Amino acid sequence: MNPDAIFKKKILICCGSGGVGKTTLSAAIALEAAFRGKKVIVLTIDPAKRLATAMGIDSLENEPKEIDLSNGSGRLFAM
């Protein structure tokens, strides 16, 4: 599979057992997609602050929060 093919998908789901890097992988994919000009939202159901930490923000709420991409052409939201 061409590694760029992942960025042509509309929905990606990262799942698996705890501690395997799902949140880190999800954050990295979302960030790269936004840098490629996509409008992206990355979601978590984990009550821990791992996604917020990965995105460089204090906390996430039940509403999408836009992440500042000072040098990106797309838009990135986290929730």
PDB file of N, CA and C in Angstrom:
ATOM      1  N   MET A   1       0.843  -1.185   0.000  1.00  0.00           N
ATOM      2  CA  MET A   1       0.000   0.000   0.000  1.00  0.00           C
ATOM      3  C   MET A   1       0.885   1.244   0.000  1.00  0.00           C
ATOM      4  N   ASN A   2       0.522   2.193  -0.803  1.00  0.00           N
ATOM      5  CA  ASN A   2       1.205   3.481  -0.861  1.00  0.00           C
ATOM      6  C   ASN A   2       0.942   4.243   0.445  1.00  0.00           C
ATOM      7  N   PRO A   3       1.975   4.690   1.151  1.00  0.00           N
ATOM      8  CA  PRO A   3       1.764   5.410   2.414  1.00  0.00           C
ATOM      9  C   PRO A   3       0.890   6.655   2.268  1.00  0.00           C
ATOM     10  N   ASP A   4       0.885   7.283   1.110  1.00  0.00           N
ATOM     11  CA  ASP A   4       0.058   8.477   0.910  1.00  0.00           C
ATOM     12  C   ASP A   4      -1.425   8.129   0.775  1.00  0.00           C
ATOM     13  N   ALA A   5      -1.742   6.878   0.525  1.00  0.00           N
ATOM     14  CA  ALA A   5      -3.143   6.464   0.342  1.00  0.00           C
ATOM     15  C   ALA A   5      -3.963   6.698   1.606  1.00  0.00           C
ATOM     16  N   ILE A   6      -3.346   6.646   2.759  1.00  0.00           N
ATOM     17  CA  ILE A   6      -4.063   6.856   4.018  1.00  0.00           C
ATOM     18  C   ILE A   6      -4.694   8.248   4.084  1.00  0.00           C
ATOM     19  N   PHE A   7      -4.094   9.217   3.415  1.00  0.00           N
ATOM     20  CA  PHE A   7      -4.595  10.585   3.468  1.00  0.00           C
ATOM     21  C   PHE A   7      -5.732  10.827   2.466  1.00  0.00           C
ATOM     22  N   LYS A   8      -6.112   9.803   1.717  1.00  0.00           N
ATOM     23  CA  LYS A   8      -7.253   9.898   0.803  1.00  0.00           C
ATOM     24  C   LYS A   8      -8.523   9.359   1.445  1.00  0.00           C
ATOM     25  N   LYS A   9      -8.410   8.781   2.622  1.00  0.00           N
ATOM     26  CA  LYS A   9      -9.561   8.217   3.338  1.00  0.00           C
ATOM     27  C   LYS A   9     -10.351   9.335   4.013  1.00  0.00           C
ATOM     28  N   LYS A  10     -11.671   9.118   4.151  1.00  0.00           N
ATOM     29  CA  LYS A  10     -12.508  10.096   4.848  1.00  0.00           C
ATOM     30  C   LYS A  10     -12.546   9.829   6.342  1.00  0.00           C
ATOM     31  N   ILE A  11     -12.516   8.560   6.731  1.00  0.00           N
ATOM     32  CA  ILE A  11     -12.568   8.190   8.139  1.00  0.00           C
ATOM     33  C   ILE A  11     -11.496   7.136   8.410  1.00  0.00           C
ATOM     34  N   LEU A  12     -10.739   7.350   9.459  1.00  0.00           N
ATOM     35  CA  LEU A  12      -9.757   6.369   9.939  1.00  0.00           C
ATOM     36  C   LEU A  12     -10.064   6.085  11.399  1.00  0.00           C
ATOM     37  N   ILE A  13      -9.987   4.832  11.782  1.00  0.00           N
ATOM     38  CA  ILE A  13     -10.203   4.446  13.169  1.00  0.00           C
ATOM     39  C   ILE A  13      -8.956   3.720  13.651  1.00  0.00           C
ATOM     40  N   CYS A  14      -8.394   4.210  14.745  1.00  0.00           N
ATOM     41  CA  CYS A  14      -7.240   3.561  15.368  1.00  0.00           C
ATOM     42  C   CYS A  14      -7.734   2.902  16.645  1.00  0.00           C
ATOM     43  N   CYS A  15      -7.639   1.579  16.703  1.00  0.00           N
ATOM     44  CA  CYS A  15      -8.107   0.868  17.892  1.00  0.00           C
ATOM     45  C   CYS A  15      -7.128  -0.245  18.245  1.00  0.00           C
ATOM     46  N   GLY A  16      -7.235  -0.701  19.459  1.00  0.00           N
ATOM     47  CA  GLY A  16      -6.370  -1.766  19.934  1.00  0.00           C
ATOM     48  C   GLY A  16      -6.294  -1.740  21.448  1.00  0.00           C
ATOM     49  N   SER A  17      -5.487  -2.603  22.004  1.00  0.00           N
ATOM     50  CA  SER A  17      -5.356  -2.668  23.457  1.00  0.00           C
ATOM     51  C   SER A  17      -4.616  -1.436  23.986  1.00  0.00           C
ATOM     52  N   GLY A  18      -4.661  -1.252  25.273  1.00  0.00           N
ATOM     53  CA  GLY A  18      -4.048  -0.081  25.892  1.00  0.00           C
ATOM     54  C   GLY A  18      -2.536  -0.048  25.774  1.00  0.00           C
ATOM     55  N   GLY A  19      -2.009   1.158  25.637  1.00  0.00           N
ATOM     56  CA  GLY A  19      -0.566   1.346  25.665  1.00  0.00           C
ATOM     57  C   GLY A  19       0.180   0.997  24.401  1.00  0.00           C
ATOM     58  N   VAL A  20      -0.521   0.930  23.274  1.00  0.00           N
ATOM     59  CA  VAL A  20       0.157   0.555  22.028  1.00  0.00           C
ATOM     60  C   VAL A  20       0.430   1.744  21.104  1.00  0.00           C
ATOM     61  N   GLY A  21       0.005   2.950  21.489  1.00  0.00           N
ATOM     62  CA  GLY A  21       0.303   4.140  20.696  1.00  0.00           C
ATOM     63  C   GLY A  21      -0.825   4.645  19.824  1.00  0.00           C
ATOM     64  N   LYS A  22      -2.061   4.260  20.113  1.00  0.00           N
ATOM     65  CA  LYS A  22      -3.203   4.698  19.298  1.00  0.00           C
ATOM     66  C   LYS A  22      -3.351   6.212  19.272  1.00  0.00           C
ATOM     67  N   THR A  23      -3.249   6.839  20.422  1.00  0.00           N
ATOM     68  CA  THR A  23      -3.415   8.285  20.514  1.00  0.00           C
ATOM     69  C   THR A  23      -2.284   9.004  19.787  1.00  0.00           C
ATOM     70  N   THR A  24      -1.071   8.558  19.985  1.00  0.00           N
ATOM     71  CA  THR A  24       0.075   9.176  19.315  1.00  0.00           C
ATOM     72  C   THR A  24      -0.046   9.033  17.809  1.00  0.00           C
ATOM     73  N   LEU A  25      -0.411   7.847  17.344  1.00  0.00           N
ATOM     74  CA  LEU A  25      -0.580   7.606  15.913  1.00  0.00           C
ATOM     75  C   LEU A  25      -1.707   8.469  15.349  1.00  0.00           C
ATOM     76  N   SER A  26      -2.827   8.529  16.054  1.00  0.00           N
ATOM     77  CA  SER A  26      -3.965   9.335  15.599  1.00  0.00           C
ATOM     78  C   SER A  26      -3.598  10.810  15.496  1.00  0.00           C
ATOM     79  N   ALA A  27      -2.904  11.328  16.495  1.00  0.00           N
ATOM     80  CA  ALA A  27      -2.490  12.731  16.486  1.00  0.00           C
ATOM     81  C   ALA A  27      -1.529  13.005  15.329  1.00  0.00           C
ATOM     82  N   ALA A  28      -0.595  12.101  15.092  1.00  0.00           N
ATOM     83  CA  ALA A  28       0.380  12.294  14.017  1.00  0.00           C
ATOM     84  C   ALA A  28      -0.286  12.257  12.644  1.00  0.00           C
ATOM     85  N   ILE A  29      -1.202  11.323  12.444  1.00  0.00           N
ATOM     86  CA  ILE A  29      -1.911  11.235  11.163  1.00  0.00           C
ATOM     87  C   ILE A  29      -2.753  12.484  10.939  1.00  0.00           C
ATOM     88  N   ALA A  30      -3.468  12.917  11.982  1.00  0.00           N
ATOM     89  CA  ALA A  30      -4.312  14.112  11.853  1.00  0.00           C
ATOM     90  C   ALA A  30      -3.479  15.343  11.537  1.00  0.00           C
ATOM     91  N   LEU A  31      -2.366  15.499  12.210  1.00  0.00           N
ATOM     92  CA  LEU A  31      -1.499  16.648  11.975  1.00  0.00           C
ATOM     93  C   LEU A  31      -0.955  16.649  10.547  1.00  0.00           C
ATOM     94  N   GLU A  32      -0.490  15.505  10.090  1.00  0.00           N
ATOM     95  CA  GLU A  32       0.038  15.418   8.721  1.00  0.00           C
ATOM     96  C   GLU A  32      -1.054  15.701   7.692  1.00  0.00           C
ATOM     97  N   ALA A  33      -2.254  15.180   7.919  1.00  0.00           N
ATOM     98  CA  ALA A  33      -3.356  15.436   6.989  1.00  0.00           C
ATOM     99  C   ALA A  33      -3.679  16.929   6.933  1.00  0.00           C
ATOM    100  N   ALA A  34      -3.686  17.595   8.092  1.00  0.00           N
ATOM    101  CA  ALA A  34      -3.945  19.038   8.120  1.00  0.00           C
ATOM    102  C   ALA A  34      -2.845  19.797   7.386  1.00  0.00           C
ATOM    103  N   PHE A  35      -1.594  19.384   7.565  1.00  0.00           N
ATOM    104  CA  PHE A  35      -0.498  20.026   6.842  1.00  0.00           C
ATOM    105  C   PHE A  35      -0.607  19.803   5.339  1.00  0.00           C
ATOM    106  N   ARG A  36      -1.301  18.761   4.933  1.00  0.00           N
ATOM    107  CA  ARG A  36      -1.520  18.489   3.507  1.00  0.00           C
ATOM    108  C   ARG A  36      -2.757  19.210   2.969  1.00  0.00           C
ATOM    109  N   GLY A  37      -3.356  20.061   3.788  1.00  0.00           N
ATOM    110  CA  GLY A  37      -4.467  20.879   3.330  1.00  0.00           C
ATOM    111  C   GLY A  37      -5.849  20.344   3.650  1.00  0.00           C
ATOM    112  N   LYS A  38      -5.949  19.286   4.399  1.00  0.00           N
ATOM    113  CA  LYS A  38      -7.240  18.693   4.741  1.00  0.00           C
ATOM    114  C   LYS A  38      -7.848  19.386   5.960  1.00  0.00           C
ATOM    115  N   LYS A  39      -9.162  19.292   6.075  1.00  0.00           N
ATOM    116  CA  LYS A  39      -9.869  19.713   7.281  1.00  0.00           C
ATOM    117  C   LYS A  39     -10.088  18.430   8.086  1.00  0.00           C
ATOM    118  N   VAL A  40      -9.532  18.386   9.300  1.00  0.00           N
ATOM    119  CA  VAL A  40      -9.442  17.144  10.057  1.00  0.00           C
ATOM    120  C   VAL A  40      -9.948  17.330  11.478  1.00  0.00           C
ATOM    121  N   ILE A  41     -10.605  16.301  11.996  1.00  0.00           N
ATOM    122  CA  ILE A  41     -10.913  16.262  13.425  1.00  0.00           C
ATOM    123  C   ILE A  41     -10.411  14.933  13.968  1.00  0.00           C
ATOM    124  N   VAL A  42      -9.767  14.991  15.104  1.00  0.00           N
ATOM    125  CA  VAL A  42      -9.294  13.790  15.787  1.00  0.00           C
ATOM    126  C   VAL A  42     -10.050  13.707  17.114  1.00  0.00           C
ATOM    127  N   LEU A  43     -10.630  12.531  17.380  1.00  0.00           N
ATOM    128  CA  LEU A  43     -11.493  12.345  18.543  1.00  0.00           C
ATOM    129  C   LEU A  43     -10.915  11.281  19.466  1.00  0.00           C
ATOM    130  N   THR A  44     -11.212  11.413  20.751  1.00  0.00           N
ATOM    131  CA  THR A  44     -10.834  10.386  21.711  1.00  0.00           C
ATOM    132  C   THR A  44     -11.991  10.122  22.655  1.00  0.00           C
ATOM    133  N   ILE A  45     -12.090   8.894  23.135  1.00  0.00           N
ATOM    134  CA  ILE A  45     -13.060   8.578  24.188  1.00  0.00           C
ATOM    135  C   ILE A  45     -12.347   8.290  25.500  1.00  0.00           C
ATOM    136  N   ASP A  46     -11.027   8.411  25.496  1.00  0.00           N
ATOM    137  CA  ASP A  46     -10.205   8.180  26.681  1.00  0.00           C
ATOM    138  C   ASP A  46     -10.321   9.379  27.616  1.00  0.00           C
ATOM    139  N   PRO A  47     -10.693   9.176  28.881  1.00  0.00           N
ATOM    140  CA  PRO A  47     -10.804  10.318  29.802  1.00  0.00           C
ATOM    141  C   PRO A  47      -9.448  10.928  30.184  1.00  0.00           C
ATOM    142  N   ALA A  48      -8.367  10.245  29.910  1.00  0.00           N
ATOM    143  CA  ALA A  48      -7.040  10.792  30.206  1.00  0.00           C
ATOM    144  C   ALA A  48      -6.738  11.937  29.240  1.00  0.00           C
ATOM    145  N   LYS A  49      -5.755  12.756  29.577  1.00  0.00           N
ATOM    146  CA  LYS A  49      -5.428  13.940  28.779  1.00  0.00           C
ATOM    147  C   LYS A  49      -4.402  13.654  27.686  1.00  0.00           C
ATOM    148  N   ARG A  50      -4.237  12.431  27.269  1.00  0.00           N
ATOM    149  CA  ARG A  50      -3.178  12.099  26.317  1.00  0.00           C
ATOM    150  C   ARG A  50      -3.310  12.829  24.982  1.00  0.00           C
ATOM    151  N   LEU A  51      -4.522  12.903  24.434  1.00  0.00           N
ATOM    152  CA  LEU A  51      -4.693  13.589  23.154  1.00  0.00           C
ATOM    153  C   LEU A  51      -4.430  15.083  23.308  1.00  0.00           C
ATOM    154  N   ALA A  52      -4.938  15.676  24.359  1.00  0.00           N
ATOM    155  CA  ALA A  52      -4.682  17.106  24.595  1.00  0.00           C
ATOM    156  C   ALA A  52      -3.185  17.358  24.709  1.00  0.00           C
ATOM    157  N   THR A  53      -2.505  16.503  25.433  1.00  0.00           N
ATOM    158  CA  THR A  53      -1.059  16.641  25.577  1.00  0.00           C
ATOM    159  C   THR A  53      -0.368  16.503  24.228  1.00  0.00           C
ATOM    160  N   ALA A  54      -0.773  15.530  23.442  1.00  0.00           N
ATOM    161  CA  ALA A  54      -0.167  15.321  22.122  1.00  0.00           C
ATOM    162  C   ALA A  54      -0.397  16.514  21.202  1.00  0.00           C
ATOM    163  N   MET A  55      -1.523  17.207  21.384  1.00  0.00           N
ATOM    164  CA  MET A  55      -1.855  18.360  20.550  1.00  0.00           C
ATOM    165  C   MET A  55      -1.293  19.664  21.110  1.00  0.00           C
ATOM    166  N   GLY A  56      -0.686  19.605  22.292  1.00  0.00           N
ATOM    167  CA  GLY A  56      -0.082  20.797  22.875  1.00  0.00           C
ATOM    168  C   GLY A  56      -1.074  21.764  23.483  1.00  0.00           C
ATOM    169  N   ILE A  57      -2.212  21.245  23.970  1.00  0.00           N
ATOM    170  CA  ILE A  57      -3.216  22.102  24.598  1.00  0.00           C
ATOM    171  C   ILE A  57      -3.507  21.590  26.011  1.00  0.00           C
ATOM    172  N   ASP A  58      -4.136  22.437  26.827  1.00  0.00           N
ATOM    173  CA  ASP A  58      -4.388  22.085  28.226  1.00  0.00           C
ATOM    174  C   ASP A  58      -5.469  21.025  28.391  1.00  0.00           C
ATOM    175  N   SER A  59      -6.569  21.166  27.647  1.00  0.00           N
ATOM    176  CA  SER A  59      -7.674  20.230  27.823  1.00  0.00           C
ATOM    177  C   SER A  59      -8.549  20.200  26.578  1.00  0.00           C
ATOM    178  N   LEU A  60      -9.379  19.182  26.507  1.00  0.00           N
ATOM    179  CA  LEU A  60     -10.365  19.040  25.441  1.00  0.00           C
ATOM    180  C   LEU A  60     -11.750  19.003  26.068  1.00  0.00           C
ATOM    181  N   GLU A  61     -12.712  19.512  25.350  1.00  0.00           N
ATOM    182  CA  GLU A  61     -14.093  19.543  25.818  1.00  0.00           C
ATOM    183  C   GLU A  61     -14.949  18.665  24.913  1.00  0.00           C
ATOM    184  N   ASN A  62     -16.256  18.796  25.060  1.00  0.00           N
ATOM    185  CA  ASN A  62     -17.190  18.043  24.224  1.00  0.00           C
ATOM    186  C   ASN A  62     -17.532  18.771  22.933  1.00  0.00           C
ATOM    187  N   GLU A  63     -16.848  19.829  22.659  1.00  0.00           N
ATOM    188  CA  GLU A  63     -16.984  20.575  21.415  1.00  0.00           C
ATOM    189  C   GLU A  63     -15.623  20.589  20.730  1.00  0.00           C
ATOM    190  N   PRO A  64     -15.585  20.538  19.414  1.00  0.00           N
ATOM    191  CA  PRO A  64     -14.289  20.566  18.721  1.00  0.00           C
ATOM    192  C   PRO A  64     -13.496  21.827  19.057  1.00  0.00           C
ATOM    193  N   LYS A  65     -12.221  21.651  19.303  1.00  0.00           N
ATOM    194  CA  LYS A  65     -11.320  22.774  19.596  1.00  0.00           C
ATOM    195  C   LYS A  65     -10.311  22.853  18.456  1.00  0.00           C
ATOM    196  N   GLU A  66     -10.216  24.020  17.818  1.00  0.00           N
ATOM    197  CA  GLU A  66      -9.274  24.157  16.709  1.00  0.00           C
ATOM    198  C   GLU A  66      -7.848  24.281  17.246  1.00  0.00           C
ATOM    199  N   ILE A  67      -6.966  23.546  16.616  1.00  0.00           N
ATOM    200  CA  ILE A  67      -5.555  23.550  16.976  1.00  0.00           C
ATOM    201  C   ILE A  67      -4.840  24.507  16.021  1.00  0.00           C
ATOM    202  N   ASP A  68      -4.046  25.391  16.570  1.00  0.00           N
ATOM    203  CA  ASP A  68      -3.324  26.374  15.759  1.00  0.00           C
ATOM    204  C   ASP A  68      -2.255  25.683  14.908  1.00  0.00           C
ATOM    205  N   LEU A  69      -2.366  25.853  13.613  1.00  0.00           N
ATOM    206  CA  LEU A  69      -1.365  25.343  12.665  1.00  0.00           C
ATOM    207  C   LEU A  69      -0.717  26.555  12.014  1.00  0.00           C
ATOM    208  N   SER A  70       0.196  27.157  12.690  1.00  0.00           N
ATOM    209  CA  SER A  70       0.777  28.404  12.207  1.00  0.00           C
ATOM    210  C   SER A  70       1.396  28.282  10.816  1.00  0.00           C
ATOM    211  N   ASN A  71       1.796  27.087  10.429  1.00  0.00           N
ATOM    212  CA  ASN A  71       2.372  26.951   9.085  1.00  0.00           C
ATOM    213  C   ASN A  71       1.702  25.842   8.290  1.00  0.00           C
ATOM    214  N   GLY A  72       0.435  25.546   8.604  1.00  0.00           N
ATOM    215  CA  GLY A  72      -0.293  24.518   7.866  1.00  0.00           C
ATOM    216  C   GLY A  72      -1.345  25.130   6.960  1.00  0.00           C
ATOM    217  N   SER A  73      -1.689  24.429   5.923  1.00  0.00           N
ATOM    218  CA  SER A  73      -2.679  24.957   4.974  1.00  0.00           C
ATOM    219  C   SER A  73      -4.070  24.422   5.255  1.00  0.00           C
ATOM    220  N   GLY A  74      -4.196  23.366   6.069  1.00  0.00           N
ATOM    221  CA  GLY A  74      -5.490  22.806   6.398  1.00  0.00           C
ATOM    222  C   GLY A  74      -5.970  23.300   7.749  1.00  0.00           C
ATOM    223  N   ARG A  75      -6.945  22.592   8.290  1.00  0.00           N
ATOM    224  CA  ARG A  75      -7.473  22.927   9.614  1.00  0.00           C
ATOM    225  C   ARG A  75      -7.529  21.665  10.445  1.00  0.00           C
ATOM    226  N   LEU A  76      -7.178  21.779  11.721  1.00  0.00           N
ATOM    227  CA  LEU A  76      -7.141  20.641  12.615  1.00  0.00           C
ATOM    228  C   LEU A  76      -7.949  20.950  13.863  1.00  0.00           C
ATOM    229  N   PHE A  77      -8.846  20.038  14.192  1.00  0.00           N
ATOM    230  CA  PHE A  77      -9.679  20.150  15.389  1.00  0.00           C
ATOM    231  C   PHE A  77      -9.469  18.896  16.241  1.00  0.00           C
ATOM    232  N   ALA A  78      -9.613  19.036  17.546  1.00  0.00           N
ATOM    233  CA  ALA A  78      -9.520  17.904  18.460  1.00  0.00           C
ATOM    234  C   ALA A  78     -10.695  17.958  19.422  1.00  0.00           C
ATOM    235  N   MET A  79     -11.088  16.774  19.873  1.00  0.00           N
ATOM    236  CA  MET A  79     -12.243  16.691  20.773  1.00  0.00           C
ATOM    237  C   MET A  79     -12.137  15.427  21.592  1.00  0.00           C
TER     238      MET A  79
END
